[in-house]
């Protein structure tokens, strides 16, 4: 998975298409990411104590990584990501401008 926590991404498919946000959580085993403020769903929470009240909470749900693109730091548009090995360490570079992420 080429998108990591803290990356700025743009959604390219789905109901949130065209919106940008920062990745708050990456789930590599399911190839999904959670973006702050996007794909908000309402979850019903059960009461934790006897006699307490349940509540409805808005939670950001995961989006499949294929539905987002990394935002290029130079151009501000979506771009693909390439990995290259420099001096024994792997670096991520953008395809549009060639800048490192």
C-alpha atoms as a PDB file:
ATOM      1  CA  UNK A   1       0.000   0.000   0.000  1.00  0.00           C
ATOM      2  CA  UNK A   2       1.578   3.273  -1.121  1.00  0.00           C
ATOM      3  CA  UNK A   3      -0.516   5.638   1.011  1.00  0.00           C
ATOM      4  CA  UNK A   4       0.457   6.110   4.645  1.00  0.00           C
ATOM      5  CA  UNK A   5      -0.893   7.827   7.754  1.00  0.00           C
ATOM      6  CA  UNK A   6      -0.523  11.605   7.547  1.00  0.00           C
ATOM      7  CA  UNK A   7      -0.647  11.796   3.718  1.00  0.00           C
ATOM      8  CA  UNK A   8      -2.907  14.338   2.041  1.00  0.00           C
ATOM      9  CA  UNK A   9      -5.197  12.561  -0.435  1.00  0.00           C
ATOM     10  CA  UNK A  10      -8.039  13.362  -2.837  1.00  0.00           C
ATOM     11  CA  UNK A  11     -11.027  11.035  -3.259  1.00  0.00           C
ATOM     12  CA  UNK A  12     -11.539  10.072  -6.927  1.00  0.00           C
ATOM     13  CA  UNK A  13     -14.572   7.765  -6.671  1.00  0.00           C
ATOM     14  CA  UNK A  14     -17.727   7.420  -4.596  1.00  0.00           C
ATOM     15  CA  UNK A  15     -20.036   9.859  -2.859  1.00  0.00           C
ATOM     16  CA  UNK A  16     -17.139  11.918  -1.454  1.00  0.00           C
ATOM     17  CA  UNK A  17     -15.519  12.327  -4.898  1.00  0.00           C
ATOM     18  CA  UNK A  18     -13.438  15.485  -5.327  1.00  0.00           C
ATOM     19  CA  UNK A  19     -12.900  16.138  -1.611  1.00  0.00           C
ATOM     20  CA  UNK A  20      -9.466  16.196   0.016  1.00  0.00           C
ATOM     21  CA  UNK A  21      -8.342  15.222   3.491  1.00  0.00           C
ATOM     22  CA  UNK A  22      -5.550  13.818   5.635  1.00  0.00           C
ATOM     23  CA  UNK A  23      -5.232  10.083   6.309  1.00  0.00           C
ATOM     24  CA  UNK A  24      -5.763   9.450  10.023  1.00  0.00           C
ATOM     25  CA  UNK A  25      -5.469   5.651   9.943  1.00  0.00           C
ATOM     26  CA  UNK A  26      -4.184   3.061   7.486  1.00  0.00           C
ATOM     27  CA  UNK A  27      -5.448  -0.545   7.505  1.00  0.00           C
ATOM     28  CA  UNK A  28      -3.037  -2.446   5.207  1.00  0.00           C
ATOM     29  CA  UNK A  29      -4.554  -5.883   5.853  1.00  0.00           C
ATOM     30  CA  UNK A  30      -7.873  -4.728   4.326  1.00  0.00           C
ATOM     31  CA  UNK A  31      -6.304  -2.161   1.924  1.00  0.00           C
ATOM     32  CA  UNK A  32      -8.413   0.635   3.423  1.00  0.00           C
ATOM     33  CA  UNK A  33      -7.740   4.055   4.913  1.00  0.00           C
ATOM     34  CA  UNK A  34      -9.679   6.420   7.196  1.00  0.00           C
ATOM     35  CA  UNK A  35      -9.716  10.101   6.214  1.00  0.00           C
ATOM     36  CA  UNK A  36     -10.547  12.831   8.748  1.00  0.00           C
ATOM     37  CA  UNK A  37     -13.973  14.360   8.104  1.00  0.00           C
ATOM     38  CA  UNK A  38     -14.870  12.190   5.094  1.00  0.00           C
ATOM     39  CA  UNK A  39     -17.199   9.184   4.688  1.00  0.00           C
ATOM     40  CA  UNK A  40     -19.029  10.023   7.942  1.00  0.00           C
ATOM     41  CA  UNK A  41     -21.603   7.467   9.102  1.00  0.00           C
ATOM     42  CA  UNK A  42     -23.853   7.380  12.161  1.00  0.00           C
ATOM     43  CA  UNK A  43     -23.281   4.535  14.614  1.00  0.00           C
ATOM     44  CA  UNK A  44     -25.631   3.614  17.425  1.00  0.00           C
ATOM     45  CA  UNK A  45     -23.740   3.126  20.687  1.00  0.00           C
ATOM     46  CA  UNK A  46     -25.186   0.915  23.389  1.00  0.00           C
ATOM     47  CA  UNK A  47     -25.447   2.240  26.946  1.00  0.00           C
ATOM     48  CA  UNK A  48     -22.344   1.288  28.916  1.00  0.00           C
ATOM     49  CA  UNK A  49     -23.968   1.256  32.376  1.00  0.00           C
ATOM     50  CA  UNK A  50     -27.252  -0.107  33.615  1.00  0.00           C
ATOM     51  CA  UNK A  51     -29.842   2.638  33.431  1.00  0.00           C
ATOM     52  CA  UNK A  52     -27.613   4.746  31.154  1.00  0.00           C
ATOM     53  CA  UNK A  53     -28.591   6.086  27.751  1.00  0.00           C
ATOM     54  CA  UNK A  54     -27.262   5.034  24.399  1.00  0.00           C
ATOM     55  CA  UNK A  55     -26.312   7.593  21.801  1.00  0.00           C
ATOM     56  CA  UNK A  56     -25.822   8.135  18.095  1.00  0.00           C
ATOM     57  CA  UNK A  57     -22.207   8.975  17.210  1.00  0.00           C
ATOM     58  CA  UNK A  58     -20.807  10.153  13.856  1.00  0.00           C
ATOM     59  CA  UNK A  59     -17.716   8.141  12.873  1.00  0.00           C
ATOM     60  CA  UNK A  60     -15.392   8.359   9.836  1.00  0.00           C
ATOM     61  CA  UNK A  61     -15.545   4.982   8.076  1.00  0.00           C
ATOM     62  CA  UNK A  62     -12.779   3.390   5.959  1.00  0.00           C
ATOM     63  CA  UNK A  63     -12.443   3.964   2.207  1.00  0.00           C
ATOM     64  CA  UNK A  64     -10.691   1.540  -0.139  1.00  0.00           C
ATOM     65  CA  UNK A  65      -7.239   2.769  -1.108  1.00  0.00           C
ATOM     66  CA  UNK A  66      -8.031   2.406  -4.840  1.00  0.00           C
ATOM     67  CA  UNK A  67     -10.611   5.218  -4.540  1.00  0.00           C
ATOM     68  CA  UNK A  68      -8.060   7.857  -3.486  1.00  0.00           C
ATOM     69  CA  UNK A  69      -4.949   9.481  -4.956  1.00  0.00           C
ATOM     70  CA  UNK A  70      -2.055  11.166  -3.202  1.00  0.00           C
ATOM     71  CA  UNK A  71      -2.008  14.963  -3.595  1.00  0.00           C
ATOM     72  CA  UNK A  72       1.197  16.213  -5.248  1.00  0.00           C
ATOM     73  CA  UNK A  73       2.886  18.772  -2.944  1.00  0.00           C
ATOM     74  CA  UNK A  74       4.006  20.953  -5.889  1.00  0.00           C
ATOM     75  CA  UNK A  75       0.888  20.982  -8.108  1.00  0.00           C
ATOM     76  CA  UNK A  76      -1.853  20.281  -5.544  1.00  0.00           C
ATOM     77  CA  UNK A  77      -3.495  17.710  -7.840  1.00  0.00           C
ATOM     78  CA  UNK A  78      -3.855  13.947  -7.574  1.00  0.00           C
ATOM     79  CA  UNK A  79      -0.870  11.875  -8.661  1.00  0.00           C
ATOM     80  CA  UNK A  80       0.371   8.316  -8.727  1.00  0.00           C
ATOM     81  CA  UNK A  81       3.202   7.195  -6.456  1.00  0.00           C
ATOM     82  CA  UNK A  82       6.430   5.408  -7.387  1.00  0.00           C
ATOM     83  CA  UNK A  83       8.885   3.798  -4.991  1.00  0.00           C
ATOM     84  CA  UNK A  84      12.597   3.953  -5.659  1.00  0.00           C
ATOM     85  CA  UNK A  85      15.646   2.794  -3.773  1.00  0.00           C
ATOM     86  CA  UNK A  86      18.274   5.420  -2.986  1.00  0.00           C
ATOM     87  CA  UNK A  87      21.391   4.448  -0.981  1.00  0.00           C
ATOM     88  CA  UNK A  88      19.668   1.387   0.474  1.00  0.00           C
ATOM     89  CA  UNK A  89      16.513   3.199   1.632  1.00  0.00           C
ATOM     90  CA  UNK A  90      13.147   3.266  -0.105  1.00  0.00           C
ATOM     91  CA  UNK A  91      11.627   6.646  -0.952  1.00  0.00           C
ATOM     92  CA  UNK A  92       8.242   7.548  -2.391  1.00  0.00           C
ATOM     93  CA  UNK A  93       8.189   9.928  -5.351  1.00  0.00           C
ATOM     94  CA  UNK A  94       5.271  11.435  -7.261  1.00  0.00           C
ATOM     95  CA  UNK A  95       4.811  10.654 -10.940  1.00  0.00           C
ATOM     96  CA  UNK A  96       3.668  14.184 -11.934  1.00  0.00           C
ATOM     97  CA  UNK A  97       6.472  16.323 -10.548  1.00  0.00           C
ATOM     98  CA  UNK A  98       9.016  13.755  -9.351  1.00  0.00           C
ATOM     99  CA  UNK A  99       9.156  15.251  -5.847  1.00  0.00           C
ATOM    100  CA  UNK A 100       9.672  13.024  -2.824  1.00  0.00           C
ATOM    101  CA  UNK A 101       6.863  12.514  -0.351  1.00  0.00           C
END
